[in-house]
Each structure stands twice: as structure tokens, then as C-alpha cells.
């Protein structure tokens, strides 16, 4: 019994160290991305090496998060382990994560237009991050969450209700904003246009704002360090890119864009 407890504590200790390391790395990445632009999409460059189809890259980059957590969930169900938490509650929280990544991995890429490409290096980094993130979420839900934290009453808690509403709102914003971008061009058109509809009236990167909102909501609804870490990483990754996109639009469209007085990422704030 003592050996089992010691082994469990060691795993928990390793998990905490990994999370701290990831949080520190997020700070480094946040600072670095203000100097090294991620060269895909509107910011595409030749500095990141070989590229592959944008559609295929998105599938390969996002699918690991979906597949890993789904595998983790199935393995947990088959193990029959009692963690002291309600399985239904755990599966609902995991399900929200899976819904997001199913859309990002298997629906979003099919909706992409044009023949854009993504650097393999960026795709690979995305794969690693998504796999690690799904591990942190899965390990928290199915192994390290305190016993009794997620009972059936969690579904009526203020954290879960507010967090879920924020999460779903963010998902809708993200999907709607992606749709606005897709419909800027007609088939065969390769010119660039300024997105102006919906939240693009207020920010350069409304789609990123939606994604950030999602993961802030997820951090709240799970009330977990793993959820918080993901929200921090989302901001660290997307905030510098949003600023770089503003600069790119201003470079291409000049005063026409500057006079719109858009924020980079968060409406009315930044």
C-alpha cells in the first residue's frame, strides 16, 4: 500500500513540475513571438522551411489533441478505476474539449478555401503542444483531480455554469469569425480584404478572441490548473500573432486600416 501511495505521489509531483515548466515556457514563447512571426496564413513567409497543404497541416496539427483525450477517456472507462469523482461529470468536461477539437481537426480544414500552405515546422510544434495539452487535461480529469471535487453537484455549480456559457460563447465567436474570413473572397480571387463584419468591427483577430474566450471558459468550468495553463498558453500564442496581424494590415492598407481604430485581440482593451 505504501509503495502504491509513493508511486502515486511521485507521478503527481512529476505532473506538477511539467506544468510549471510549461507555464514558464509560455512566457518565453510569448516574448519570442513578438520577434519571430509564425509564418502561416496572412503572415506566410519562406523563413520556416518546407510547407505542406494547409488543410492537411491543420488535420495533423489538431487531431492529436482529439485522439489523445478520446483514448485517455476510453482507457479510463475500461479500467474501472474509482477516482472519487462522478464519471458523467468528467465525461461532460472531456466532451466539451473533444467537441472543440473535432471541429478544429475534422470540420474546419474541410471548410478552408484556396491552396495555402503551412510550414511543416509550425505544424509539428502545434502537434507537440496539442498532445501535451490534452495530456494535462486528461491527467487532471482522470487521475489528479481531488476526490469528491467533481460530484454531480458540480454541474449546477457557478463555476461550471458560467464557464460553460463562456466556453460556448467563445466557440460561436470563433466559428462565426472564421466564416467571415472565408467569405471575404470569391472563388479564384487571391486579393486581400479587410474583415469588417461582426467582432471584426472592433478587433483585428476576432477568431483568436473567440478561441481565447473558449479556453478561459474551460479553465473556469473545470476550475483546474490544467485548464488555466491552457488559457495562459492560448494567450501567449495568439496575442503576439494578433499584434503582428494588425501591423500586417496597416502595412498593406495604410491609413484605411489605421482609421478603423481596431484593437489587436480584446475588444475595447488591447
C-alpha atoms as a PDB file:
ATOM      1  CA  UNK A   1       0.000   0.000   0.000  1.00  0.00           C
ATOM      2  CA  UNK A   2       2.834   2.354   0.905  1.00  0.00           C
ATOM      3  CA  UNK A   3       4.559   1.645  -2.420  1.00  0.00           C
ATOM      4  CA  UNK A   4       1.368   2.420  -4.344  1.00  0.00           C
ATOM      5  CA  UNK A   5       0.935   5.697  -2.457  1.00  0.00           C
ATOM      6  CA  UNK A   6       4.576   6.651  -3.026  1.00  0.00           C
ATOM      7  CA  UNK A   7       4.282   5.895  -6.737  1.00  0.00           C
ATOM      8  CA  UNK A   8       1.109   7.979  -6.967  1.00  0.00           C
ATOM      9  CA  UNK A   9       2.738  10.931  -5.203  1.00  0.00           C
ATOM     10  CA  UNK A  10       5.754  10.687  -7.492  1.00  0.00           C
ATOM     11  CA  UNK A  11       3.506  10.859 -10.553  1.00  0.00           C
ATOM     12  CA  UNK A  12       1.681  13.851  -9.088  1.00  0.00           C
ATOM     13  CA  UNK A  13       4.997  15.547  -8.364  1.00  0.00           C
ATOM     14  CA  UNK A  14       6.166  14.952 -11.938  1.00  0.00           C
ATOM     15  CA  UNK A  15       2.859  16.276 -13.268  1.00  0.00           C
ATOM     16  CA  UNK A  16       3.208  19.489 -11.246  1.00  0.00           C
ATOM     17  CA  UNK A  17       6.805  20.006 -12.383  1.00  0.00           C
ATOM     18  CA  UNK A  18       5.783  19.529 -16.019  1.00  0.00           C
ATOM     19  CA  UNK A  19       3.001  22.072 -15.645  1.00  0.00           C
ATOM     20  CA  UNK A  20       5.318  24.627 -14.074  1.00  0.00           C
ATOM     21  CA  UNK A  21       7.822  24.076 -16.876  1.00  0.00           C
ATOM     22  CA  UNK A  22       5.065  24.564 -19.470  1.00  0.00           C
ATOM     23  CA  UNK A  23       3.921  27.769 -17.772  1.00  0.00           C
ATOM     24  CA  UNK A  24       7.458  29.155 -17.826  1.00  0.00           C
ATOM     25  CA  UNK A  25       7.827  28.109 -21.458  1.00  0.00           C
ATOM     26  CA  UNK A  26       4.629  30.005 -22.267  1.00  0.00           C
ATOM     27  CA  UNK A  27       6.275  33.202 -21.022  1.00  0.00           C
ATOM     28  CA  UNK A  28       9.307  32.540 -23.231  1.00  0.00           C
ATOM     29  CA  UNK A  29       7.119  31.816 -26.264  1.00  0.00           C
ATOM     30  CA  UNK A  30       5.032  34.942 -25.614  1.00  0.00           C
ATOM     31  CA  UNK A  31       8.131  37.136 -25.685  1.00  0.00           C
ATOM     32  CA  UNK A  32       9.731  35.297 -28.620  1.00  0.00           C
ATOM     33  CA  UNK A  33       6.667  35.583 -30.849  1.00  0.00           C
ATOM     34  CA  UNK A  34       6.856  39.362 -30.754  1.00  0.00           C
ATOM     35  CA  UNK A  35      10.158  38.995 -32.592  1.00  0.00           C
ATOM     36  CA  UNK A  36       9.656  35.835 -34.681  1.00  0.00           C
ATOM     37  CA  UNK A  37       6.384  35.817 -36.577  1.00  0.00           C
ATOM     38  CA  UNK A  38       4.696  32.439 -37.068  1.00  0.00           C
ATOM     39  CA  UNK A  39       4.795  32.328 -40.865  1.00  0.00           C
ATOM     40  CA  UNK A  40       1.460  30.882 -41.932  1.00  0.00           C
ATOM     41  CA  UNK A  41      -1.815  32.276 -43.186  1.00  0.00           C
ATOM     42  CA  UNK A  42      -1.755  36.026 -43.836  1.00  0.00           C
ATOM     43  CA  UNK A  43       1.709  36.172 -42.251  1.00  0.00           C
ATOM     44  CA  UNK A  44       3.119  33.462 -44.503  1.00  0.00           C
ATOM     45  CA  UNK A  45       6.849  33.677 -45.242  1.00  0.00           C
ATOM     46  CA  UNK A  46       9.571  31.426 -46.640  1.00  0.00           C
ATOM     47  CA  UNK A  47      11.624  31.556 -43.434  1.00  0.00           C
ATOM     48  CA  UNK A  48      10.126  28.462 -41.833  1.00  0.00           C
ATOM     49  CA  UNK A  49      11.266  25.841 -44.330  1.00  0.00           C
ATOM     50  CA  UNK A  50       9.243  23.267 -46.321  1.00  0.00           C
ATOM     51  CA  UNK A  51       5.470  23.545 -46.413  1.00  0.00           C
ATOM     52  CA  UNK A  52       2.541  21.211 -46.940  1.00  0.00           C
ATOM     53  CA  UNK A  53      -1.127  21.684 -47.780  1.00  0.00           C
ATOM     54  CA  UNK A  54      -2.839  23.946 -45.262  1.00  0.00           C
ATOM     55  CA  UNK A  55      -5.799  21.577 -44.985  1.00  0.00           C
ATOM     56  CA  UNK A  56      -3.637  18.538 -44.281  1.00  0.00           C
ATOM     57  CA  UNK A  57      -1.480  20.514 -41.853  1.00  0.00           C
ATOM     58  CA  UNK A  58      -4.499  21.586 -39.803  1.00  0.00           C
ATOM     59  CA  UNK A  59      -5.738  17.994 -39.556  1.00  0.00           C
ATOM     60  CA  UNK A  60      -2.334  16.673 -38.499  1.00  0.00           C
ATOM     61  CA  UNK A  61      -1.822  19.525 -36.051  1.00  0.00           C
ATOM     62  CA  UNK A  62      -5.195  19.439 -34.307  1.00  0.00           C
ATOM     63  CA  UNK A  63      -6.130  15.741 -34.461  1.00  0.00           C
ATOM     64  CA  UNK A  64      -3.655  14.585 -31.771  1.00  0.00           C
ATOM     65  CA  UNK A  65      -5.497  16.574 -29.097  1.00  0.00           C
ATOM     66  CA  UNK A  66      -8.796  14.917 -30.031  1.00  0.00           C
ATOM     67  CA  UNK A  67      -7.349  11.418 -30.408  1.00  0.00           C
ATOM     68  CA  UNK A  68      -5.279  11.502 -27.222  1.00  0.00           C
ATOM     69  CA  UNK A  69      -8.065  12.660 -24.922  1.00  0.00           C
ATOM     70  CA  UNK A  70     -10.539  10.270 -26.555  1.00  0.00           C
ATOM     71  CA  UNK A  71      -8.073   7.426 -25.972  1.00  0.00           C
ATOM     72  CA  UNK A  72      -7.490   8.587 -22.398  1.00  0.00           C
ATOM     73  CA  UNK A  73     -11.269   8.641 -21.792  1.00  0.00           C
ATOM     74  CA  UNK A  74     -11.846   5.177 -23.250  1.00  0.00           C
ATOM     75  CA  UNK A  75      -8.928   3.743 -21.261  1.00  0.00           C
ATOM     76  CA  UNK A  76     -10.287   5.305 -18.068  1.00  0.00           C
ATOM     77  CA  UNK A  77     -13.739   3.828 -18.689  1.00  0.00           C
ATOM     78  CA  UNK A  78     -12.314   0.376 -19.361  1.00  0.00           C
ATOM     79  CA  UNK A  79     -10.053   0.492 -16.291  1.00  0.00           C
ATOM     80  CA  UNK A  80     -12.938   0.714 -13.859  1.00  0.00           C
ATOM     81  CA  UNK A  81     -10.869   2.928 -11.549  1.00  0.00           C
ATOM     82  CA  UNK A  82     -12.839   4.867  -8.939  1.00  0.00           C
ATOM     83  CA  UNK A  83     -11.312   8.328  -8.506  1.00  0.00           C
ATOM     84  CA  UNK A  84     -13.992   9.543  -6.124  1.00  0.00           C
ATOM     85  CA  UNK A  85     -15.459  11.780  -8.825  1.00  0.00           C
ATOM     86  CA  UNK A  86     -18.622  11.372 -10.878  1.00  0.00           C
ATOM     87  CA  UNK A  87     -17.804   9.803 -14.236  1.00  0.00           C
ATOM     88  CA  UNK A  88     -20.629  11.634 -16.004  1.00  0.00           C
ATOM     89  CA  UNK A  89     -19.244  14.992 -14.882  1.00  0.00           C
ATOM     90  CA  UNK A  90     -15.750  14.023 -16.038  1.00  0.00           C
ATOM     91  CA  UNK A  91     -17.060  12.876 -19.417  1.00  0.00           C
ATOM     92  CA  UNK A  92     -19.072  16.066 -19.950  1.00  0.00           C
ATOM     93  CA  UNK A  93     -15.982  18.205 -19.319  1.00  0.00           C
ATOM     94  CA  UNK A  94     -13.859  15.990 -21.539  1.00  0.00           C
ATOM     95  CA  UNK A  95     -16.650  16.079 -24.125  1.00  0.00           C
ATOM     96  CA  UNK A  96     -16.527  19.864 -24.405  1.00  0.00           C
ATOM     97  CA  UNK A  97     -12.797  19.629 -25.110  1.00  0.00           C
ATOM     98  CA  UNK A  98     -13.418  16.881 -27.700  1.00  0.00           C
ATOM     99  CA  UNK A  99     -16.170  18.852 -29.438  1.00  0.00           C
ATOM    100  CA  UNK A 100     -13.809  21.786 -29.922  1.00  0.00           C
ATOM    101  CA  UNK A 101     -11.025  19.652 -31.340  1.00  0.00           C
ATOM    102  CA  UNK A 102     -13.321  17.572 -33.528  1.00  0.00           C
ATOM    103  CA  UNK A 103     -14.441  20.801 -35.156  1.00  0.00           C
ATOM    104  CA  UNK A 104     -10.871  22.125 -35.463  1.00  0.00           C
ATOM    105  CA  UNK A 105      -9.368  18.873 -36.746  1.00  0.00           C
ATOM    106  CA  UNK A 106     -12.045  17.412 -38.993  1.00  0.00           C
ATOM    107  CA  UNK A 107     -14.507  20.171 -39.958  1.00  0.00           C
ATOM    108  CA  UNK A 108     -12.562  23.436 -40.048  1.00  0.00           C
ATOM    109  CA  UNK A 109      -9.908  22.133 -42.510  1.00  0.00           C
ATOM    110  CA  UNK A 110     -12.603  20.988 -44.954  1.00  0.00           C
ATOM    111  CA  UNK A 111     -14.056  24.495 -44.995  1.00  0.00           C
ATOM    112  CA  UNK A 112     -10.752  26.173 -45.857  1.00  0.00           C
ATOM    113  CA  UNK A 113     -10.564  27.780 -49.271  1.00  0.00           C
ATOM    114  CA  UNK A 114      -7.636  28.332 -51.577  1.00  0.00           C
ATOM    115  CA  UNK A 115      -4.343  26.494 -51.836  1.00  0.00           C
ATOM    116  CA  UNK A 116      -2.408  27.989 -48.949  1.00  0.00           C
ATOM    117  CA  UNK A 117       0.371  26.010 -47.301  1.00  0.00           C
ATOM    118  CA  UNK A 118       1.725  25.753 -43.769  1.00  0.00           C
ATOM    119  CA  UNK A 119       5.362  25.202 -42.765  1.00  0.00           C
ATOM    120  CA  UNK A 120       5.968  21.670 -41.507  1.00  0.00           C
ATOM    121  CA  UNK A 121       7.918  23.103 -38.571  1.00  0.00           C
ATOM    122  CA  UNK A 122       4.910  25.094 -37.336  1.00  0.00           C
ATOM    123  CA  UNK A 123       2.611  22.108 -37.829  1.00  0.00           C
ATOM    124  CA  UNK A 124       4.993  19.895 -35.830  1.00  0.00           C
ATOM    125  CA  UNK A 125       5.189  22.376 -32.958  1.00  0.00           C
ATOM    126  CA  UNK A 126       1.406  22.553 -32.929  1.00  0.00           C
ATOM    127  CA  UNK A 127       1.173  18.763 -32.773  1.00  0.00           C
ATOM    128  CA  UNK A 128       3.519  18.608 -29.780  1.00  0.00           C
ATOM    129  CA  UNK A 129       1.687  21.375 -27.941  1.00  0.00           C
ATOM    130  CA  UNK A 130      -1.754  19.866 -28.570  1.00  0.00           C
ATOM    131  CA  UNK A 131      -0.635  16.428 -27.433  1.00  0.00           C
ATOM    132  CA  UNK A 132       0.898  17.811 -24.233  1.00  0.00           C
ATOM    133  CA  UNK A 133      -2.154  19.937 -23.541  1.00  0.00           C
ATOM    134  CA  UNK A 134      -4.565  17.031 -23.929  1.00  0.00           C
ATOM    135  CA  UNK A 135      -2.330  15.025 -21.589  1.00  0.00           C
ATOM    136  CA  UNK A 136      -2.535  17.740 -18.914  1.00  0.00           C
ATOM    137  CA  UNK A 137      -6.315  17.953 -19.244  1.00  0.00           C
ATOM    138  CA  UNK A 138      -6.805  14.176 -19.313  1.00  0.00           C
ATOM    139  CA  UNK A 139      -4.425  13.514 -16.425  1.00  0.00           C
ATOM    140  CA  UNK A 140      -6.198  16.123 -14.314  1.00  0.00           C
ATOM    141  CA  UNK A 141      -9.683  14.802 -15.012  1.00  0.00           C
ATOM    142  CA  UNK A 142      -8.943  11.103 -14.708  1.00  0.00           C
ATOM    143  CA  UNK A 143      -6.053  10.926 -12.263  1.00  0.00           C
ATOM    144  CA  UNK A 144      -5.107  14.019 -10.283  1.00  0.00           C
ATOM    145  CA  UNK A 145      -8.348  15.926  -9.593  1.00  0.00           C
ATOM    146  CA  UNK A 146      -9.083  15.725  -5.850  1.00  0.00           C
ATOM    147  CA  UNK A 147     -11.576  13.017  -4.907  1.00  0.00           C
ATOM    148  CA  UNK A 148     -15.017  14.499  -4.412  1.00  0.00           C
ATOM    149  CA  UNK A 149     -14.313  17.658  -6.393  1.00  0.00           C
ATOM    150  CA  UNK A 150     -16.446  16.675  -9.376  1.00  0.00           C
ATOM    151  CA  UNK A 151     -19.591  15.190  -7.918  1.00  0.00           C
ATOM    152  CA  UNK A 152     -22.951  15.507  -9.674  1.00  0.00           C
ATOM    153  CA  UNK A 153     -23.455  18.845  -7.898  1.00  0.00           C
ATOM    154  CA  UNK A 154     -20.570  20.297  -9.952  1.00  0.00           C
ATOM    155  CA  UNK A 155     -22.937  20.549 -12.926  1.00  0.00           C
ATOM    156  CA  UNK A 156     -25.023  23.113 -11.029  1.00  0.00           C
ATOM    157  CA  UNK A 157     -22.061  24.991  -9.558  1.00  0.00           C
ATOM    158  CA  UNK A 158     -21.456  28.618 -10.517  1.00  0.00           C
ATOM    159  CA  UNK A 159     -18.043  27.691 -11.961  1.00  0.00           C
ATOM    160  CA  UNK A 160     -19.452  25.080 -14.300  1.00  0.00           C
ATOM    161  CA  UNK A 161     -22.469  27.099 -15.452  1.00  0.00           C
ATOM    162  CA  UNK A 162     -20.583  30.359 -16.042  1.00  0.00           C
ATOM    163  CA  UNK A 163     -17.560  28.614 -17.509  1.00  0.00           C
ATOM    164  CA  UNK A 164     -19.649  26.562 -19.927  1.00  0.00           C
ATOM    165  CA  UNK A 165     -21.564  29.632 -21.105  1.00  0.00           C
ATOM    166  CA  UNK A 166     -18.263  31.461 -21.703  1.00  0.00           C
ATOM    167  CA  UNK A 167     -16.806  28.407 -23.451  1.00  0.00           C
ATOM    168  CA  UNK A 168     -19.783  28.024 -25.807  1.00  0.00           C
ATOM    169  CA  UNK A 169     -19.886  31.768 -26.488  1.00  0.00           C
ATOM    170  CA  UNK A 170     -16.209  31.671 -27.412  1.00  0.00           C
ATOM    171  CA  UNK A 171     -16.765  28.703 -29.712  1.00  0.00           C
ATOM    172  CA  UNK A 172     -19.573  30.515 -31.530  1.00  0.00           C
ATOM    173  CA  UNK A 173     -17.438  33.660 -31.878  1.00  0.00           C
ATOM    174  CA  UNK A 174     -14.539  31.594 -33.194  1.00  0.00           C
ATOM    175  CA  UNK A 175     -16.635  29.736 -35.771  1.00  0.00           C
ATOM    176  CA  UNK A 176     -18.512  32.857 -36.856  1.00  0.00           C
ATOM    177  CA  UNK A 177     -15.269  34.811 -37.261  1.00  0.00           C
ATOM    178  CA  UNK A 178     -13.708  32.011 -39.308  1.00  0.00           C
ATOM    179  CA  UNK A 179     -16.765  32.156 -41.552  1.00  0.00           C
ATOM    180  CA  UNK A 180     -16.334  35.908 -42.056  1.00  0.00           C
ATOM    181  CA  UNK A 181     -12.722  35.365 -43.163  1.00  0.00           C
ATOM    182  CA  UNK A 182     -13.650  32.523 -45.534  1.00  0.00           C
ATOM    183  CA  UNK A 183     -16.246  34.643 -47.296  1.00  0.00           C
ATOM    184  CA  UNK A 184     -14.023  37.659 -47.918  1.00  0.00           C
ATOM    185  CA  UNK A 185     -13.038  36.261 -51.308  1.00  0.00           C
ATOM    186  CA  UNK A 186     -14.946  34.773 -54.176  1.00  0.00           C
ATOM    187  CA  UNK A 187     -13.603  31.560 -55.744  1.00  0.00           C
ATOM    188  CA  UNK A 188     -10.428  32.293 -57.715  1.00  0.00           C
ATOM    189  CA  UNK A 189      -9.824  35.661 -56.070  1.00  0.00           C
ATOM    190  CA  UNK A 190      -6.395  35.982 -54.447  1.00  0.00           C
ATOM    191  CA  UNK A 191      -6.551  39.576 -53.245  1.00  0.00           C
ATOM    192  CA  UNK A 192      -6.567  40.567 -49.566  1.00  0.00           C
ATOM    193  CA  UNK A 193      -9.521  42.308 -47.959  1.00  0.00           C
ATOM    194  CA  UNK A 194     -10.175  43.903 -44.589  1.00  0.00           C
ATOM    195  CA  UNK A 195     -12.647  41.884 -42.482  1.00  0.00           C
ATOM    196  CA  UNK A 196     -15.250  44.275 -41.113  1.00  0.00           C
ATOM    197  CA  UNK A 197     -18.264  42.230 -40.031  1.00  0.00           C
ATOM    198  CA  UNK A 198     -19.336  41.226 -36.536  1.00  0.00           C
ATOM    199  CA  UNK A 199     -16.500  41.380 -33.988  1.00  0.00           C
ATOM    200  CA  UNK A 200     -14.063  42.352 -36.728  1.00  0.00           C
ATOM    201  CA  UNK A 201     -15.508  45.818 -36.305  1.00  0.00           C
ATOM    202  CA  UNK A 202     -13.584  46.011 -33.062  1.00  0.00           C
ATOM    203  CA  UNK A 203     -10.528  43.752 -33.296  1.00  0.00           C
ATOM    204  CA  UNK A 204      -8.101  42.522 -35.916  1.00  0.00           C
ATOM    205  CA  UNK A 205      -8.296  38.916 -34.733  1.00  0.00           C
ATOM    206  CA  UNK A 206     -11.881  38.171 -33.758  1.00  0.00           C
ATOM    207  CA  UNK A 207     -11.329  34.451 -34.370  1.00  0.00           C
ATOM    208  CA  UNK A 208      -8.461  34.460 -31.861  1.00  0.00           C
ATOM    209  CA  UNK A 209     -10.595  36.354 -29.366  1.00  0.00           C
ATOM    210  CA  UNK A 210     -13.190  33.606 -29.694  1.00  0.00           C
ATOM    211  CA  UNK A 211     -10.611  30.898 -29.071  1.00  0.00           C
ATOM    212  CA  UNK A 212      -9.161  32.722 -26.069  1.00  0.00           C
ATOM    213  CA  UNK A 213     -12.679  33.138 -24.675  1.00  0.00           C
ATOM    214  CA  UNK A 214     -13.285  29.407 -25.083  1.00  0.00           C
ATOM    215  CA  UNK A 215     -10.287  28.366 -23.033  1.00  0.00           C
ATOM    216  CA  UNK A 216     -10.862  30.951 -20.337  1.00  0.00           C
ATOM    217  CA  UNK A 217     -14.323  29.406 -20.065  1.00  0.00           C
ATOM    218  CA  UNK A 218     -12.825  25.922 -19.920  1.00  0.00           C
ATOM    219  CA  UNK A 219     -10.443  26.961 -17.143  1.00  0.00           C
ATOM    220  CA  UNK A 220     -13.451  28.223 -15.183  1.00  0.00           C
ATOM    221  CA  UNK A 221     -15.755  25.255 -15.808  1.00  0.00           C
ATOM    222  CA  UNK A 222     -13.068  22.756 -14.775  1.00  0.00           C
ATOM    223  CA  UNK A 223     -11.617  25.104 -12.097  1.00  0.00           C
ATOM    224  CA  UNK A 224      -8.329  23.366 -12.701  1.00  0.00           C
ATOM    225  CA  UNK A 225      -4.627  24.209 -13.058  1.00  0.00           C
ATOM    226  CA  UNK A 226      -4.629  22.300 -16.354  1.00  0.00           C
ATOM    227  CA  UNK A 227      -7.409  24.490 -17.721  1.00  0.00           C
ATOM    228  CA  UNK A 228      -5.661  27.629 -16.503  1.00  0.00           C
ATOM    229  CA  UNK A 229      -2.409  26.529 -18.136  1.00  0.00           C
ATOM    230  CA  UNK A 230      -4.195  26.073 -21.465  1.00  0.00           C
ATOM    231  CA  UNK A 231      -5.759  29.537 -21.230  1.00  0.00           C
ATOM    232  CA  UNK A 232      -2.337  31.047 -20.469  1.00  0.00           C
ATOM    233  CA  UNK A 233      -0.782  29.235 -23.432  1.00  0.00           C
ATOM    234  CA  UNK A 234      -3.608  30.348 -25.706  1.00  0.00           C
ATOM    235  CA  UNK A 235      -2.966  33.981 -24.825  1.00  0.00           C
ATOM    236  CA  UNK A 236       0.821  33.566 -25.093  1.00  0.00           C
ATOM    237  CA  UNK A 237       0.461  32.103 -28.574  1.00  0.00           C
ATOM    238  CA  UNK A 238      -2.306  34.276 -30.001  1.00  0.00           C
ATOM    239  CA  UNK A 239      -1.652  37.735 -28.535  1.00  0.00           C
ATOM    240  CA  UNK A 240       1.676  38.321 -30.344  1.00  0.00           C
ATOM    241  CA  UNK A 241       0.210  36.955 -33.571  1.00  0.00           C
ATOM    242  CA  UNK A 242      -2.817  39.251 -33.280  1.00  0.00           C
ATOM    243  CA  UNK A 243      -0.497  42.248 -32.935  1.00  0.00           C
ATOM    244  CA  UNK A 244       1.561  41.066 -35.913  1.00  0.00           C
ATOM    245  CA  UNK A 245      -1.614  40.771 -37.983  1.00  0.00           C
ATOM    246  CA  UNK A 246      -2.591  44.340 -37.122  1.00  0.00           C
ATOM    247  CA  UNK A 247       0.833  45.510 -38.268  1.00  0.00           C
ATOM    248  CA  UNK A 248       0.492  43.485 -41.485  1.00  0.00           C
ATOM    249  CA  UNK A 249      -2.903  45.022 -42.277  1.00  0.00           C
ATOM    250  CA  UNK A 250      -1.569  48.500 -41.553  1.00  0.00           C
ATOM    251  CA  UNK A 251       1.407  47.846 -43.810  1.00  0.00           C
ATOM    252  CA  UNK A 252      -0.790  46.680 -46.691  1.00  0.00           C
ATOM    253  CA  UNK A 253      -3.780  49.016 -46.322  1.00  0.00           C
ATOM    254  CA  UNK A 254      -2.180  52.031 -44.607  1.00  0.00           C
ATOM    255  CA  UNK A 255      -4.493  54.730 -43.292  1.00  0.00           C
ATOM    256  CA  UNK A 256      -7.577  52.835 -44.474  1.00  0.00           C
ATOM    257  CA  UNK A 257      -6.902  50.272 -41.770  1.00  0.00           C
ATOM    258  CA  UNK A 258      -5.448  52.587 -39.127  1.00  0.00           C
ATOM    259  CA  UNK A 259      -8.554  54.772 -39.242  1.00  0.00           C
ATOM    260  CA  UNK A 260     -10.692  51.804 -38.187  1.00  0.00           C
ATOM    261  CA  UNK A 261      -9.003  52.032 -34.764  1.00  0.00           C
ATOM    262  CA  UNK A 262      -9.266  48.315 -34.139  1.00  0.00           C
ATOM    263  CA  UNK A 263      -7.731  46.647 -31.113  1.00  0.00           C
ATOM    264  CA  UNK A 264      -5.476  43.646 -31.685  1.00  0.00           C
ATOM    265  CA  UNK A 265      -7.276  40.898 -29.774  1.00  0.00           C
ATOM    266  CA  UNK A 266      -9.599  42.016 -26.979  1.00  0.00           C
ATOM    267  CA  UNK A 267     -12.410  44.449 -27.915  1.00  0.00           C
ATOM    268  CA  UNK A 268     -12.017  47.955 -26.411  1.00  0.00           C
ATOM    269  CA  UNK A 269      -8.967  46.863 -24.372  1.00  0.00           C
ATOM    270  CA  UNK A 270      -5.990  45.662 -26.436  1.00  0.00           C
END
